[in-house]
Amino acid sequence: MSDTGIKMVVAVIRPDKLGDVKQALVEADAPSLTVTNVSGRGSQPAKKGQWRGEEYVVDLHQKVKIECVVADTPVDDVVEAIKDGAHTGEKGDGKIFVLPVEDAVQIRTGEEGPKAV
């Protein structure tokens, strides 16, 4: 991965690992992040349940989506921090995506580019 320019790191992880990932990102000098509760499916198997005599299938699992935009912090450090914080070794640990960011503008100051991040 390249450490040039502005990058957005998007990770989808287990909700119970959020605290560990936040701590790992602070230690990697990337404390700014956005967190969204999401649901989805991947390699984790569907679960069957029963409620009031009716059987149902849960194939969308609750996850947490983390978005972290970095310019000064090496993106490899951010990815490694998320991997370390979110890893359990079981199916459903999640995925990490790295995307280029064309530009950034800070609304309050009007700064653009890496200074806005």
C-alpha atoms as a PDB file:
ATOM      1  CA  MET A   1       0.000   0.000   0.000  1.00  0.00           C
ATOM      2  CA  SER A   2       1.092   3.527  -0.676  1.00  0.00           C
ATOM      3  CA  ASP A   3       1.459   6.104   2.095  1.00  0.00           C
ATOM      4  CA  THR A   4       1.113   9.119  -0.213  1.00  0.00           C
ATOM      5  CA  GLY A   5      -1.875  11.439  -0.164  1.00  0.00           C
ATOM      6  CA  ILE A   6      -5.106  11.132   1.762  1.00  0.00           C
ATOM      7  CA  LYS A   7      -6.565   7.675   2.367  1.00  0.00           C
ATOM      8  CA  MET A   8      -9.823   6.443   3.842  1.00  0.00           C
ATOM      9  CA  VAL A   9      -9.649   3.186   5.761  1.00  0.00           C
ATOM     10  CA  VAL A  10     -13.033   1.474   6.083  1.00  0.00           C
ATOM     11  CA  ALA A  11     -13.371  -1.538   8.368  1.00  0.00           C
ATOM     12  CA  VAL A  12     -16.377  -3.709   9.188  1.00  0.00           C
ATOM     13  CA  ILE A  13     -15.809  -5.501  12.502  1.00  0.00           C
ATOM     14  CA  ARG A  14     -17.571  -7.268  15.372  1.00  0.00           C
ATOM     15  CA  PRO A  15     -19.267  -4.784  17.727  1.00  0.00           C
ATOM     16  CA  ASP A  16     -17.559  -6.250  20.804  1.00  0.00           C
ATOM     17  CA  LYS A  17     -14.106  -5.443  19.340  1.00  0.00           C
ATOM     18  CA  LEU A  18     -14.783  -1.707  18.906  1.00  0.00           C
ATOM     19  CA  GLY A  19     -13.091  -0.729  22.176  1.00  0.00           C
ATOM     20  CA  ASP A  20      -9.929  -2.668  21.282  1.00  0.00           C
ATOM     21  CA  VAL A  21      -9.821  -1.109  17.804  1.00  0.00           C
ATOM     22  CA  LYS A  22     -10.325   2.422  19.174  1.00  0.00           C
ATOM     23  CA  GLN A  23      -7.453   1.913  21.624  1.00  0.00           C
ATOM     24  CA  ALA A  24      -5.204   0.500  18.890  1.00  0.00           C
ATOM     25  CA  LEU A  25      -5.957   3.494  16.629  1.00  0.00           C
ATOM     26  CA  VAL A  26      -5.097   5.954  19.418  1.00  0.00           C
ATOM     27  CA  GLU A  27      -1.779   4.145  19.891  1.00  0.00           C
ATOM     28  CA  ALA A  28      -1.175   4.307  16.099  1.00  0.00           C
ATOM     29  CA  ASP A  29      -1.705   8.106  16.209  1.00  0.00           C
ATOM     30  CA  ALA A  30      -4.985   7.919  14.251  1.00  0.00           C
ATOM     31  CA  PRO A  31      -7.609   8.836  16.867  1.00  0.00           C
ATOM     32  CA  SER A  32     -10.203  10.383  14.499  1.00  0.00           C
ATOM     33  CA  LEU A  33     -12.877   7.995  13.285  1.00  0.00           C
ATOM     34  CA  THR A  34     -16.541   7.638  12.396  1.00  0.00           C
ATOM     35  CA  VAL A  35     -18.494   4.644  13.685  1.00  0.00           C
ATOM     36  CA  THR A  36     -21.765   3.339  12.243  1.00  0.00           C
ATOM     37  CA  ASN A  37     -23.851   0.343  13.327  1.00  0.00           C
ATOM     38  CA  VAL A  38     -24.540  -1.845  10.286  1.00  0.00           C
ATOM     39  CA  SER A  39     -25.667  -5.368   9.487  1.00  0.00           C
ATOM     40  CA  GLY A  40     -24.491  -7.667   6.749  1.00  0.00           C
ATOM     41  CA  ARG A  41     -23.460 -11.132   5.799  1.00  0.00           C
ATOM     42  CA  GLY A  42     -20.275 -12.742   4.669  1.00  0.00           C
ATOM     43  CA  SER A  43     -18.569 -15.979   5.616  1.00  0.00           C
ATOM     44  CA  GLN A  44     -20.302 -16.185   9.006  1.00  0.00           C
ATOM     45  CA  PRO A  45     -22.970 -18.915   8.933  1.00  0.00           C
ATOM     46  CA  ALA A  46     -26.657 -18.048   9.306  1.00  0.00           C
ATOM     47  CA  LYS A  47     -28.255 -18.785  12.677  1.00  0.00           C
ATOM     48  CA  LYS A  48     -31.631 -20.430  13.078  1.00  0.00           C
ATOM     49  CA  GLY A  49     -33.900 -19.503  15.933  1.00  0.00           C
ATOM     50  CA  GLN A  50     -37.413 -19.981  17.144  1.00  0.00           C
ATOM     51  CA  TRP A  51     -39.829 -17.399  18.502  1.00  0.00           C
ATOM     52  CA  ARG A  52     -43.406 -18.136  19.538  1.00  0.00           C
ATOM     53  CA  GLY A  53     -43.310 -21.455  17.763  1.00  0.00           C
ATOM     54  CA  GLU A  54     -42.116 -19.988  14.458  1.00  0.00           C
ATOM     55  CA  GLU A  55     -38.669 -20.773  13.080  1.00  0.00           C
ATOM     56  CA  TYR A  56     -36.639 -17.932  11.586  1.00  0.00           C
ATOM     57  CA  VAL A  57     -33.185 -17.476  10.063  1.00  0.00           C
ATOM     58  CA  VAL A  58     -30.797 -14.670  10.956  1.00  0.00           C
ATOM     59  CA  ASP A  59     -28.380 -14.240   8.068  1.00  0.00           C
ATOM     60  CA  LEU A  60     -27.615 -10.542   8.567  1.00  0.00           C
ATOM     61  CA  HIS A  61     -25.212 -10.159  11.493  1.00  0.00           C
ATOM     62  CA  GLN A  62     -24.773  -6.963  13.508  1.00  0.00           C
ATOM     63  CA  LYS A  63     -21.435  -5.277  12.749  1.00  0.00           C
ATOM     64  CA  VAL A  64     -19.716  -1.934  13.281  1.00  0.00           C
ATOM     65  CA  LYS A  65     -18.368   0.063  10.348  1.00  0.00           C
ATOM     66  CA  ILE A  66     -15.364   2.253  11.115  1.00  0.00           C
ATOM     67  CA  GLU A  67     -14.193   4.993   8.758  1.00  0.00           C
ATOM     68  CA  CYS A  68     -10.846   6.652   9.371  1.00  0.00           C
ATOM     69  CA  VAL A  69      -9.336   9.261   7.031  1.00  0.00           C
ATOM     70  CA  VAL A  70      -5.580   9.741   7.353  1.00  0.00           C
ATOM     71  CA  ALA A  71      -2.968  11.927   5.696  1.00  0.00           C
ATOM     72  CA  ASP A  72      -0.018  12.215   8.104  1.00  0.00           C
ATOM     73  CA  THR A  73      -0.284   8.767   9.696  1.00  0.00           C
ATOM     74  CA  PRO A  74       0.987   5.904   7.493  1.00  0.00           C
ATOM     75  CA  VAL A  75      -2.015   3.934   6.215  1.00  0.00           C
ATOM     76  CA  ASP A  76      -0.181   0.644   6.876  1.00  0.00           C
ATOM     77  CA  ASP A  77      -0.031   1.539  10.596  1.00  0.00           C
ATOM     78  CA  VAL A  78      -3.774   2.202  10.648  1.00  0.00           C
ATOM     79  CA  VAL A  79      -4.577  -1.073   8.886  1.00  0.00           C
ATOM     80  CA  GLU A  80      -2.299  -2.999  11.246  1.00  0.00           C
ATOM     81  CA  ALA A  81      -3.884  -1.354  14.298  1.00  0.00           C
ATOM     82  CA  ILE A  82      -7.374  -2.328  13.137  1.00  0.00           C
ATOM     83  CA  LYS A  83      -6.237  -5.887  12.342  1.00  0.00           C
ATOM     84  CA  ASP A  84      -4.656  -6.272  15.778  1.00  0.00           C
ATOM     85  CA  GLY A  85      -7.626  -4.808  17.631  1.00  0.00           C
ATOM     86  CA  ALA A  86     -10.343  -6.721  15.736  1.00  0.00           C
ATOM     87  CA  HIS A  87      -8.724 -10.161  15.406  1.00  0.00           C
ATOM     88  CA  THR A  88     -10.346 -13.151  17.150  1.00  0.00           C
ATOM     89  CA  GLY A  89      -9.346 -15.836  14.644  1.00  0.00           C
ATOM     90  CA  GLU A  90     -12.965 -16.827  14.000  1.00  0.00           C
ATOM     91  CA  LYS A  91     -15.218 -16.348  10.982  1.00  0.00           C
ATOM     92  CA  GLY A  92     -16.884 -12.952  11.037  1.00  0.00           C
ATOM     93  CA  ASP A  93     -13.865 -10.930  12.235  1.00  0.00           C
ATOM     94  CA  GLY A  94     -14.497  -8.506   9.387  1.00  0.00           C
ATOM     95  CA  LYS A  95     -12.776  -6.801   6.486  1.00  0.00           C
ATOM     96  CA  ILE A  96     -10.639  -3.698   5.922  1.00  0.00           C
ATOM     97  CA  PHE A  97     -10.739  -1.580   2.762  1.00  0.00           C
ATOM     98  CA  VAL A  98      -8.344   1.233   1.811  1.00  0.00           C
ATOM     99  CA  LEU A  99      -9.593   3.893  -0.598  1.00  0.00           C
ATOM    100  CA  PRO A 100      -7.936   6.985  -2.080  1.00  0.00           C
ATOM    101  CA  VAL A 101      -9.500  10.321  -1.151  1.00  0.00           C
ATOM    102  CA  GLU A 102      -9.403  12.890  -3.912  1.00  0.00           C
ATOM    103  CA  ASP A 103      -9.700  15.929  -1.662  1.00  0.00           C
ATOM    104  CA  ALA A 104     -10.809  17.039   1.793  1.00  0.00           C
ATOM    105  CA  VAL A 105     -12.140  20.393   3.003  1.00  0.00           C
ATOM    106  CA  GLN A 106     -12.488  21.415   6.638  1.00  0.00           C
ATOM    107  CA  ILE A 107     -15.750  23.331   6.928  1.00  0.00           C
ATOM    108  CA  ARG A 108     -14.781  25.510   9.908  1.00  0.00           C
ATOM    109  CA  THR A 109     -11.446  26.815   8.539  1.00  0.00           C
ATOM    110  CA  GLY A 110     -11.747  26.210   4.810  1.00  0.00           C
ATOM    111  CA  GLU A 111      -8.430  24.325   4.759  1.00  0.00           C
ATOM    112  CA  GLU A 112      -8.077  21.837   1.934  1.00  0.00           C
ATOM    113  CA  GLY A 113      -6.085  18.690   1.227  1.00  0.00           C
ATOM    114  CA  PRO A 114      -4.002  16.933   3.885  1.00  0.00           C
ATOM    115  CA  LYS A 115      -4.189  19.980   6.211  1.00  0.00           C
ATOM    116  CA  ALA A 116      -7.954  19.510   6.427  1.00  0.00           C
ATOM    117  CA  VAL A 117      -7.593  15.972   7.736  1.00  0.00           C
END
